[in-house]
C-alpha atoms as a PDB file:
ATOM      1  CA  UNK A   1     107.423 106.662  72.267  1.00  0.00           C
ATOM      2  CA  UNK A   2     105.603 110.042  72.234  1.00  0.00           C
ATOM      3  CA  UNK A   3     106.947 112.903  74.376  1.00  0.00           C
ATOM      4  CA  UNK A   4     103.961 112.547  76.724  1.00  0.00           C
ATOM      5  CA  UNK A   5     104.408 108.776  77.152  1.00  0.00           C
ATOM      6  CA  UNK A   6     108.086 109.308  77.778  1.00  0.00           C
ATOM      7  CA  UNK A   7     107.329 111.950  80.380  1.00  0.00           C
ATOM      8  CA  UNK A   8     104.804 109.730  82.066  1.00  0.00           C
ATOM      9  CA  UNK A   9     107.235 106.766  82.083  1.00  0.00           C
ATOM     10  CA  UNK A  10     109.963 108.931  83.501  1.00  0.00           C
ATOM     11  CA  UNK A  11     107.682 110.370  86.159  1.00  0.00           C
ATOM     12  CA  UNK A  12     106.605 106.724  87.099  1.00  0.00           C
ATOM     13  CA  UNK A  13     110.208 105.628  87.423  1.00  0.00           C
ATOM     14  CA  UNK A  14     110.982 108.715  89.679  1.00  0.00           C
ATOM     15  CA  UNK A  15     107.971 107.886  91.840  1.00  0.00           C
ATOM     16  CA  UNK A  16     108.984 104.237  91.877  1.00  0.00           C
ATOM     17  CA  UNK A  17     112.519 105.096  93.005  1.00  0.00           C
ATOM     18  CA  UNK A  18     111.235 107.467  95.682  1.00  0.00           C
ATOM     19  CA  UNK A  19     108.791 104.804  97.033  1.00  0.00           C
ATOM     20  CA  UNK A  20     111.681 102.288  97.180  1.00  0.00           C
ATOM     21  CA  UNK A  21     113.874 104.649  99.042  1.00  0.00           C
ATOM     22  CA  UNK A  22     111.152 105.385 101.533  1.00  0.00           C
ATOM     23  CA  UNK A  23     110.569 101.646 101.972  1.00  0.00           C
ATOM     24  CA  UNK A  24     114.238 101.037 102.687  1.00  0.00           C
ATOM     25  CA  UNK A  25     114.274 103.817 105.153  1.00  0.00           C
ATOM     26  CA  UNK A  26     111.235 102.392 106.897  1.00  0.00           C
ATOM     27  CA  UNK A  27     112.795  98.885 107.040  1.00  0.00           C
ATOM     28  CA  UNK A  28     116.075 100.262 108.494  1.00  0.00           C
ATOM     29  CA  UNK A  29     114.093 102.161 111.189  1.00  0.00           C
ATOM     30  CA  UNK A  30     111.852  99.089 111.849  1.00  0.00           C
ATOM     31  CA  UNK A  31     115.032  96.885 112.101  1.00  0.00           C
ATOM     32  CA  UNK A  32     116.744  99.331 114.587  1.00  0.00           C
ATOM     33  CA  UNK A  33     113.497  99.535 116.531  1.00  0.00           C
ATOM     34  CA  UNK A  34     113.184  95.766 116.950  1.00  0.00           C
ATOM     35  CA  UNK A  35     116.935  95.486 117.866  1.00  0.00           C
ATOM     36  CA  UNK A  36     116.544  98.099 120.599  1.00  0.00           C
ATOM     37  CA  UNK A  37     113.267  96.531 121.789  1.00  0.00           C
ATOM     38  CA  UNK A  38     114.874  93.138 121.915  1.00  0.00           C
ATOM     39  CA  UNK A  39     117.816  94.518 123.843  1.00  0.00           C
ATOM     40  CA  UNK A  40     115.518  96.256 126.383  1.00  0.00           C
ATOM     41  CA  UNK A  41     113.460  93.154 126.942  1.00  0.00           C
ATOM     42  CA  UNK A  42     116.488  91.123 127.395  1.00  0.00           C
ATOM     43  CA  UNK A  43     117.893  93.584 129.926  1.00  0.00           C
ATOM     44  CA  UNK A  44     114.500  93.622 131.789  1.00  0.00           C
ATOM     45  CA  UNK A  45     114.596  89.779 131.916  1.00  0.00           C
ATOM     46  CA  UNK A  46     118.312  89.694 132.705  1.00  0.00           C
ATOM     47  CA  UNK A  47     119.016  87.575 129.667  1.00  0.00           C
ATOM     48  CA  UNK A  48     122.565  87.368 128.279  1.00  0.00           C
ATOM     49  CA  UNK A  49     121.781  88.571 124.732  1.00  0.00           C
ATOM     50  CA  UNK A  50     125.333  87.851 123.488  1.00  0.00           C
ATOM     51  CA  UNK A  51     125.008  84.122 124.137  1.00  0.00           C
ATOM     52  CA  UNK A  52     121.664  83.916 122.410  1.00  0.00           C
ATOM     53  CA  UNK A  53     121.715  83.643 118.642  1.00  0.00           C
ATOM     54  CA  UNK A  54     119.005  86.105 117.372  1.00  0.00           C
ATOM     55  CA  UNK A  55     118.284  86.057 113.650  1.00  0.00           C
END
């Protein structure tokens, strides 16, 4: 592998890792948002969230 090709592959791997990290951060924030939204809606409707199995 030439030095340029190695550099390109290395850069691509760094970008891929950064994109994956950002995607995981987004998914965690989205999950927390959905959980909070679900809890707020349950409170508004006076639903016992503990007794309801939410997947």
